[in-house]
Amino acid sequence: MALSRIWSAFIIIAVLVAAFRSIRGDEKIFNRMVVGKSSDPYDSVYYVGVGSPLKQNLSSDYPAFLKEYGYAKVDSAHKATVLLTDDFAHDSVNYFKSLNPGIKTFTYRSVQTRLERKADGIIQTAKNAVLDIILPLIGIMALFMGFMSIAERAGGIRVLSRIIGPFFAKLFPDVPKGHPATGHMMMNFSANLLGLDNAATPFGLKAMESLQELNPSKTVASNAQVMFLALHASGLTLIPVSIIAVRAGLKAANPTDIFIPCMIATFVATMAAMFIVSFKQKINVFQPVVLAWVGGISALITLLVIYITRLSSADAQIFSSLLSNGIILSIFFLIVLGALYKKIDVFDAFVDGAKGGFEIAVRIIPFLVGMLVAISMLRTSGTFDVIINAMKMLFSALGTDTRFVDGLPTALIKPLSGSGARGMMVDTMKTYGVDSFAGRLAAILQGSSDTTFYVIAVYFGAVNIKNTRYSVGAMLLADLVGIITAILLCYLFFG
């Protein structure tokens, strides 16, 4: 029910915000919400500049950033409709206004409230949900579910379940010892840890199916399913390769300097998810087995951090690629080798599993389309901009250091849209500079959590769960812990 209310609220709020903007003179708002496309060209806005964006702690490449939103700089005030300045008291401001009395004046910072990243309307979003997400996912699901079927027939999942069993028995007391769900969850967590999103989704959906077999109420989320999704959505990843790659592409002085803060933030968010759900389910996490496993994982992460920090940016990316892809190929090799040893019909097992992957991918289409359409409406209506600008005004009025607010858009969008959050992260880096406080904070926030609402819609939808209980609240609270941790770490590491 919680997810249903939130989904309804998204749509109602988006329509109300759009209606208000329409009354204020935005004649194209409803058109953008329904049939707009992210590829639509921006309407050109010609502006003249006075002073420098650098004086407002913006990037030296700020004019190039504005150009991406259709703001073209001109020399003549007569051609311009907007005047940008670093100080309203600048002598040239009055001069340009005398040449063009109708020109609108903003500071380089305040004009950002008028910038809007193009997003797909609901029609295009529905199409892309199938064309760009489901169709590629079908092949990926078929691949990994096929190999998982081989592993199950060969007994590999049971072996993995026995290894991780003592730890999972404490966090998932309702899951019987040696049940395949334990192995499926472990495969999902391992794929997430290595940043293998393509593998994590099939493993995760298979884990939800296994847990659903144990669920006494097929439409209500079980304790084990809530705990699994909370840990999954916390997004624990060893090496934030994509973030490092973006920073390198934008010519950061040291693209990997956000690695340690990212690692700590996502680890804290995962621990928060575990503690929050454990408290709700009355699970004692201070048991020797749990503490030993958490301590062992912490030690492993610490050693990896020490090693990675000694590598260059290029070497770190090469190491990550070798580690992630090497492990996947090793798993495939061991699965086939074990199946041949057990005299399993390998290809037949693969085909049977692949069929299941196709069925799951098709089954989640309605849930995926529904959630993505609601998120699209929030983005195209300008609701995110309203929230972000309100937060900036609030913290400014409180007299606090507002540098962190410039990085918050990434955190606000991340629970809703991974691609949207990535775009916001890149925008922040281009606006304030890739090595600015806001730019680094956006990178840490991007790596501190996962797309909570997407995960809830897809994973619960795959097994037809209607009542998600306290999943949304617990996962968003863990996200909040990750956000606060990321902000504190950014101040600690980058001042």
Foldseek 3Di string as FASTA:
>chain_A
DVLVVVLVVLQVVLVVLLVVVVVVPPVCLVVLQAANALPDDAAAAEEEEEDACVLVLWDNLQQVLVVRQRYHYDDALVPHQEYEYQDCPDPVNVVSCVVPVRHHYDYSVVCVLVGARRHGHLVVLLVCCCVVPLVVLLVLLLQLLLLVLLCVVLCNLLVQQQVCVVQVCQLPVLDDRSQSLSSLLVQLVVCLQLVNVSNNVSSLLVSLVSVCVSDPDLQEDDLVNLLSLLLNFLRQYLFPLVQLVLLVVLPPVASCLLNVLLNVLSLQLNVLLSVLSCVVVVGDCPDPVNVVVNVVVVVVSVVSVVVLVVDGSVVNNVVSVCVNVVVVVVSSVVSVVSSVVVVHPSVVSSNVSSVVSNVLSVQLSVLLSSLSNSLSSCRSSCVLSVVLVVVLVVCVVVVDPCLCSLQCSLLVCFLRDLVVSVVSLSSSCNTSNCPDLSNSLSSSLSSRGHNNSSSCSSSCSSSNHNHHDCSVVSSVVSSVSSSVSSNVVSVVSPD
